C-alpha atoms as a PDB file:
ATOM      1  CA  MET A   1      -0.038   0.011  -0.005  1.00  0.00           C
ATOM      2  CA  VAL A   2       1.364   3.398  -0.871  1.00  0.00           C
ATOM      3  CA  ARG A   3       0.328   6.705   0.511  1.00  0.00           C
ATOM      4  CA  GLY A   4       2.353   9.751  -0.267  1.00  0.00           C
ATOM      5  CA  MET A   5       5.943   8.586   0.057  1.00  0.00           C
ATOM      6  CA  VAL A   6       5.120   5.695   2.418  1.00  0.00           C
ATOM      7  CA  THR A   7       5.088   2.139   0.977  1.00  0.00           C
ATOM      8  CA  VAL A   8       3.597  -0.787   2.806  1.00  0.00           C
ATOM      9  CA  VAL A   9       4.956  -4.258   2.186  1.00  0.00           C
ATOM     10  CA  ASP A  10       4.438  -7.647   3.858  1.00  0.00           C
ATOM     11  CA  VAL A  11       6.450  -8.812   7.034  1.00  0.00           C
ATOM     12  CA  ASP A  12       5.727 -12.026   8.889  1.00  0.00           C
ATOM     13  CA  ALA A  13       3.702 -11.303  12.049  1.00  0.00           C
ATOM     14  CA  GLY A  14       2.776 -14.814  13.063  1.00  0.00           C
ATOM     15  CA  PRO A  15      -0.764 -16.296  13.202  1.00  0.00           C
ATOM     16  CA  THR A  16      -2.119 -14.344  16.161  1.00  0.00           C
ATOM     17  CA  ALA A  17      -0.664 -10.848  15.584  1.00  0.00           C
ATOM     18  CA  VAL A  18      -0.944  -7.953  13.219  1.00  0.00           C
ATOM     19  CA  ALA A  19       2.411  -6.080  12.704  1.00  0.00           C
ATOM     20  CA  ARG A  20       3.789  -3.318  10.528  1.00  0.00           C
ATOM     21  CA  ARG A  21       7.248  -1.824  10.164  1.00  0.00           C
ATOM     22  CA  VAL A  22       8.170   1.650   8.898  1.00  0.00           C
ATOM     23  CA  GLU A  23      11.444   3.391   8.356  1.00  0.00           C
ATOM     24  CA  VAL A  24      11.373   6.798  10.138  1.00  0.00           C
ATOM     25  CA  ALA A  25      13.829   9.728   9.336  1.00  0.00           C
ATOM     26  CA  ALA A  26      14.819  10.260  12.946  1.00  0.00           C
ATOM     27  CA  PRO A  27      16.939   8.910  15.764  1.00  0.00           C
ATOM     28  CA  ALA A  28      15.338   6.166  17.849  1.00  0.00           C
ATOM     29  CA  ALA A  29      15.421   8.291  20.998  1.00  0.00           C
ATOM     30  CA  GLU A  30      13.229  11.038  19.251  1.00  0.00           C
ATOM     31  CA  VAL A  31      10.784   8.514  18.076  1.00  0.00           C
ATOM     32  CA  PHE A  32      10.645   6.642  21.320  1.00  0.00           C
ATOM     33  CA  ALA A  33      10.042   9.977  23.195  1.00  0.00           C
ATOM     34  CA  LEU A  34       6.931  10.519  21.127  1.00  0.00           C
ATOM     35  CA  ILE A  35       5.509   6.955  21.506  1.00  0.00           C
ATOM     36  CA  ALA A  36       6.274   6.893  25.309  1.00  0.00           C
ATOM     37  CA  ASP A  37       4.269  10.134  25.870  1.00  0.00           C
ATOM     38  CA  PRO A  38       0.551   9.009  25.764  1.00  0.00           C
ATOM     39  CA  ARG A  39      -0.436  12.687  25.429  1.00  0.00           C
ATOM     40  CA  GLN A  40       0.994  12.536  21.931  1.00  0.00           C
ATOM     41  CA  HIS A  41      -0.855   9.368  20.806  1.00  0.00           C
ATOM     42  CA  ARG A  42      -3.706  11.392  19.282  1.00  0.00           C
ATOM     43  CA  GLU A  43      -1.195  12.817  16.759  1.00  0.00           C
ATOM     44  CA  LEU A  44      -0.463   9.245  15.574  1.00  0.00           C
ATOM     45  CA  ASP A  45      -3.887   7.714  15.928  1.00  0.00           C
ATOM     46  CA  GLY A  46      -4.725   5.745  12.723  1.00  0.00           C
ATOM     47  CA  SER A  47      -8.082   4.654  13.992  1.00  0.00           C
ATOM     48  CA  GLY A  48      -9.612   8.050  13.903  1.00  0.00           C
ATOM     49  CA  ARG A  49     -11.264   7.111  17.223  1.00  0.00           C
ATOM     50  CA  MET A  50      -9.293   9.171  19.725  1.00  0.00           C
ATOM     51  CA  ARG A  51     -11.201  12.165  20.920  1.00  0.00           C
ATOM     52  CA  ASP A  52      -9.539  15.597  21.545  1.00  0.00           C
ATOM     53  CA  LEU A  53      -9.782  15.386  25.339  1.00  0.00           C
ATOM     54  CA  PRO A  54      -6.806  15.123  27.993  1.00  0.00           C
ATOM     55  CA  VAL A  55      -5.111  11.760  28.323  1.00  0.00           C
ATOM     56  CA  LEU A  56      -5.132  10.518  31.925  1.00  0.00           C
ATOM     57  CA  GLY A  57      -1.694   9.203  32.948  1.00  0.00           C
ATOM     58  CA  PRO A  58       1.984  10.184  33.164  1.00  0.00           C
ATOM     59  CA  GLU A  59       3.768  12.263  30.665  1.00  0.00           C
ATOM     60  CA  ARG A  60       6.429   9.570  30.208  1.00  0.00           C
ATOM     61  CA  LEU A  61       5.410   5.910  30.439  1.00  0.00           C
ATOM     62  CA  SER A  62       7.180   3.298  32.654  1.00  0.00           C
ATOM     63  CA  VAL A  63       6.466  -0.396  33.286  1.00  0.00           C
ATOM     64  CA  GLY A  64       3.379  -0.611  35.319  1.00  0.00           C
ATOM     65  CA  ASP A  65       1.954   2.710  34.419  1.00  0.00           C
ATOM     66  CA  SER A  66      -1.536   2.960  33.175  1.00  0.00           C
ATOM     67  CA  PHE A  67      -2.998   5.585  30.801  1.00  0.00           C
ATOM     68  CA  THR A  68      -6.592   6.302  29.682  1.00  0.00           C
ATOM     69  CA  VAL A  69      -7.594   7.906  26.459  1.00  0.00           C
ATOM     70  CA  ALA A  70     -11.091   9.089  25.348  1.00  0.00           C
ATOM     71  CA  MET A  71     -12.313   7.255  22.199  1.00  0.00           C
ATOM     72  CA  GLU A  72     -15.408   7.212  20.152  1.00  0.00           C
ATOM     73  CA  GLN A  73     -16.774   4.482  17.817  1.00  0.00           C
ATOM     74  CA  ALA A  74     -19.948   4.714  15.741  1.00  0.00           C
ATOM     75  CA  GLY A  75     -20.781   7.909  17.576  1.00  0.00           C
ATOM     76  CA  VAL A  76     -20.514   6.154  21.049  1.00  0.00           C
ATOM     77  CA  PRO A  77     -17.938   7.702  23.402  1.00  0.00           C
ATOM     78  CA  TYR A  78     -15.793   5.385  25.647  1.00  0.00           C
ATOM     79  CA  GLN A  79     -12.582   5.300  27.477  1.00  0.00           C
ATOM     80  CA  ALA A  80      -9.711   2.876  26.864  1.00  0.00           C
ATOM     81  CA  THR A  81      -7.236   2.179  29.570  1.00  0.00           C
ATOM     82  CA  SER A  82      -3.966   0.341  28.927  1.00  0.00           C
ATOM     83  CA  THR A  83      -1.055  -0.686  31.203  1.00  0.00           C
ATOM     84  CA  VAL A  84       2.542  -0.783  30.209  1.00  0.00           C
ATOM     85  CA  THR A  85       3.861  -4.315  30.432  1.00  0.00           C
ATOM     86  CA  ALA A  86       7.398  -3.948  28.954  1.00  0.00           C
ATOM     87  CA  LEU A  87       9.744  -1.062  28.308  1.00  0.00           C
ATOM     88  CA  GLU A  88      13.396  -0.857  27.210  1.00  0.00           C
ATOM     89  CA  ASP A  89      14.230   2.691  26.890  1.00  0.00           C
ATOM     90  CA  GLY A  90      14.746   3.824  23.272  1.00  0.00           C
ATOM     91  CA  LYS A  91      13.961   0.219  21.925  1.00  0.00           C
ATOM     92  CA  THR A  92      10.767  -1.295  23.113  1.00  0.00           C
ATOM     93  CA  ILE A  93       7.406  -0.378  24.731  1.00  0.00           C
ATOM     94  CA  GLU A  94       4.354  -2.531  25.079  1.00  0.00           C
ATOM     95  CA  TRP A  95       0.993  -2.026  26.808  1.00  0.00           C
ATOM     96  CA  GLN A  96      -2.022  -4.257  27.250  1.00  0.00           C
ATOM     97  CA  ASP A  97      -5.508  -2.841  26.782  1.00  0.00           C
ATOM     98  CA  GLY A  98      -8.524  -3.716  28.795  1.00  0.00           C
ATOM     99  CA  TYR A  99      -9.523  -6.603  26.359  1.00  0.00           C
ATOM    100  CA  GLY A 100      -6.067  -8.189  26.821  1.00  0.00           C
ATOM    101  CA  ARG A 101      -4.629  -7.263  23.481  1.00  0.00           C
ATOM    102  CA  ARG A 102      -0.953  -6.313  23.595  1.00  0.00           C
ATOM    103  CA  TRP A 103       0.235  -3.368  21.621  1.00  0.00           C
ATOM    104  CA  ARG A 104       3.983  -3.390  21.143  1.00  0.00           C
ATOM    105  CA  TRP A 105       6.457  -0.917  19.476  1.00  0.00           C
ATOM    106  CA  GLU A 106       9.972  -2.021  18.655  1.00  0.00           C
ATOM    107  CA  LEU A 107      12.662   0.483  17.461  1.00  0.00           C
ATOM    108  CA  SER A 108      15.912  -0.245  15.816  1.00  0.00           C
ATOM    109  CA  GLU A 109      18.218   2.627  14.735  1.00  0.00           C
ATOM    110  CA  THR A 110      20.054   2.108  11.551  1.00  0.00           C
ATOM    111  CA  GLU A 111      23.579   3.240  10.667  1.00  0.00           C
ATOM    112  CA  ALA A 112      22.119   5.957   8.538  1.00  0.00           C
ATOM    113  CA  GLY A 113      20.470   7.571  11.618  1.00  0.00           C
ATOM    114  CA  THR A 114      16.957   6.460  10.624  1.00  0.00           C
ATOM    115  CA  THR A 115      14.898   4.177  12.888  1.00  0.00           C
ATOM    116  CA  GLU A 116      12.967   1.043  11.832  1.00  0.00           C
ATOM    117  CA  VAL A 117       9.752   1.124  13.895  1.00  0.00           C
ATOM    118  CA  THR A 118       7.545  -2.046  14.171  1.00  0.00           C
ATOM    119  CA  GLU A 119       4.172  -1.763  15.797  1.00  0.00           C
ATOM    120  CA  SER A 120       2.274  -4.949  16.559  1.00  0.00           C
ATOM    121  CA  MET A 121      -0.969  -5.979  18.125  1.00  0.00           C
ATOM    122  CA  GLU A 122      -1.113  -9.457  19.606  1.00  0.00           C
ATOM    123  CA  PHE A 123      -4.760 -10.595  19.665  1.00  0.00           C
ATOM    124  CA  GLY A 124      -4.053 -14.144  20.698  1.00  0.00           C
ATOM    125  CA  THR A 125      -3.744 -12.755  24.283  1.00  0.00           C
ATOM    126  CA  ALA A 126      -7.140 -11.074  24.084  1.00  0.00           C
ATOM    127  CA  LEU A 127     -10.057 -12.024  26.199  1.00  0.00           C
ATOM    128  CA  THR A 128     -12.105 -12.523  22.975  1.00  0.00           C
ATOM    129  CA  PRO A 129      -9.598 -13.553  20.234  1.00  0.00           C
ATOM    130  CA  LEU A 130     -12.219 -15.472  18.294  1.00  0.00           C
ATOM    131  CA  PHE A 131     -14.644 -12.463  18.317  1.00  0.00           C
ATOM    132  CA  ASP A 132     -11.752 -10.245  17.061  1.00  0.00           C
ATOM    133  CA  GLN A 133     -11.256 -12.582  14.162  1.00  0.00           C
ATOM    134  CA  LEU A 134     -14.829 -13.266  13.282  1.00  0.00           C
ATOM    135  CA  SER A 135     -15.925  -9.598  13.642  1.00  0.00           C
ATOM    136  CA  GLY A 136     -13.193  -8.363  11.310  1.00  0.00           C
ATOM    137  CA  ASP A 137     -11.506  -6.447  14.203  1.00  0.00           C
ATOM    138  CA  THR A 138      -8.063  -7.871  13.318  1.00  0.00           C
ATOM    139  CA  ASP A 139      -8.404  -6.644   9.790  1.00  0.00           C
ATOM    140  CA  GLN A 140      -9.496  -3.137  11.078  1.00  0.00           C
ATOM    141  CA  HIS A 141      -6.495  -3.233  13.476  1.00  0.00           C
ATOM    142  CA  ALA A 142      -4.202  -4.003  10.478  1.00  0.00           C
ATOM    143  CA  SER A 143      -5.477  -0.955   8.694  1.00  0.00           C
ATOM    144  CA  THR A 144      -5.193   1.240  11.811  1.00  0.00           C
ATOM    145  CA  ILE A 145      -1.474   0.159  12.502  1.00  0.00           C
ATOM    146  CA  THR A 146      -0.627   0.958   8.858  1.00  0.00           C
ATOM    147  CA  GLU A 147      -2.305   4.403   9.065  1.00  0.00           C
ATOM    148  CA  THR A 148      -0.503   4.971  12.511  1.00  0.00           C
ATOM    149  CA  LEU A 149       2.925   4.178  11.103  1.00  0.00           C
ATOM    150  CA  GLN A 150       2.278   6.252   7.998  1.00  0.00           C
ATOM    151  CA  LYS A 151       1.450   9.225  10.371  1.00  0.00           C
ATOM    152  CA  LEU A 152       4.647   8.502  12.390  1.00  0.00           C
ATOM    153  CA  ALA A 153       6.897   8.428   9.160  1.00  0.00           C
ATOM    154  CA  GLU A 154       5.235  11.696   7.889  1.00  0.00           C
ATOM    155  CA  ARG A 155       5.672  13.369  11.323  1.00  0.00           C
ATOM    156  CA  PHE A 156       9.381  12.817  11.170  1.00  0.00           C
ATOM    157  CA  ALA A 157       9.971  13.245   7.477  1.00  0.00           C
ATOM    158  CA  GLN A 158      12.931  15.496   7.127  1.00  0.00           C
ATOM    159  CA  ASN A 159      13.476  15.182   3.416  1.00  0.00           C
ATOM    160  CA  PRO A 160      10.361  15.021   1.227  1.00  0.00           C
ATOM    161  CA  GLY A 161      12.282  13.443  -1.573  1.00  0.00           C
ATOM    162  CA  ARG A 162      13.117  10.367   0.639  1.00  0.00           C
ATOM    163  CA  PRO A 163      10.378   7.742   0.875  1.00  0.00           C
ATOM    164  CA  ALA A 164       9.496   6.165   4.205  1.00  0.00           C
ATOM    165  CA  VAL A 165       9.182   2.387   3.738  1.00  0.00           C
ATOM    166  CA  CYS A 166       6.528   0.603   5.597  1.00  0.00           C
ATOM    167  CA  HIS A 167       6.669  -3.204   5.799  1.00  0.00           C
ATOM    168  CA  ALA A 168       3.479  -5.109   6.662  1.00  0.00           C
ATOM    169  CA  ARG A 169       2.017  -8.502   6.791  1.00  0.00           C
ATOM    170  CA  TRP A 170      -1.550  -9.550   7.742  1.00  0.00           C
ATOM    171  CA  VAL A 171      -3.099 -12.814   6.783  1.00  0.00           C
ATOM    172  CA  SER A 172      -6.818 -13.020   7.361  1.00  0.00           C
ATOM    173  CA  PRO A 173      -7.771 -15.934   9.592  1.00  0.00           C
ATOM    174  CA  ASN A 174     -10.232 -16.933   6.970  1.00  0.00           C
ATOM    175  CA  LEU A 175      -7.421 -17.329   4.394  1.00  0.00           C
ATOM    176  CA  ARG A 176      -5.185 -19.147   6.821  1.00  0.00           C
ATOM    177  CA  ALA A 177      -8.062 -21.607   7.470  1.00  0.00           C
ATOM    178  CA  ALA A 178      -8.569 -22.225   3.700  1.00  0.00           C
ATOM    179  CA  SER A 179      -4.964 -22.938   2.994  1.00  0.00           C
END
């Protein structure tokens, strides 16, 4: 998938996860600082569901911290609370949402000073993984992650002539079952 200068291509995410990777024109520390600040998540929100309301939680996430964001789906407002389950400064941050899904960000700085960022959502840990698959939520999350990483790459684009490359893989559970 191509949007602007961001290209999405397949990467193996495993049977119970959705994952995407993008190359960002910024050092890992800068990218990590943005992701680890939940007040900035609305800027990256690929779902279009985050409401323009204050985020409850710390300015900089640490393991064990919880944060709550205001969301809206089909006109119905709700709050989503997540708890940080893993963090390695500048490299990895993961949180688990109220449904048990794990959202993980992994950063790897390249020799060129750019950062490869992988965002994944593990739905095999969810309280309702079968519902996620049957309802199409996993497909929706795949699109959401792609949009989020495109926004992240565009946010840090320093040279408009240099494309951001986003790698993606998502295999529908229905296609896996058929093969």
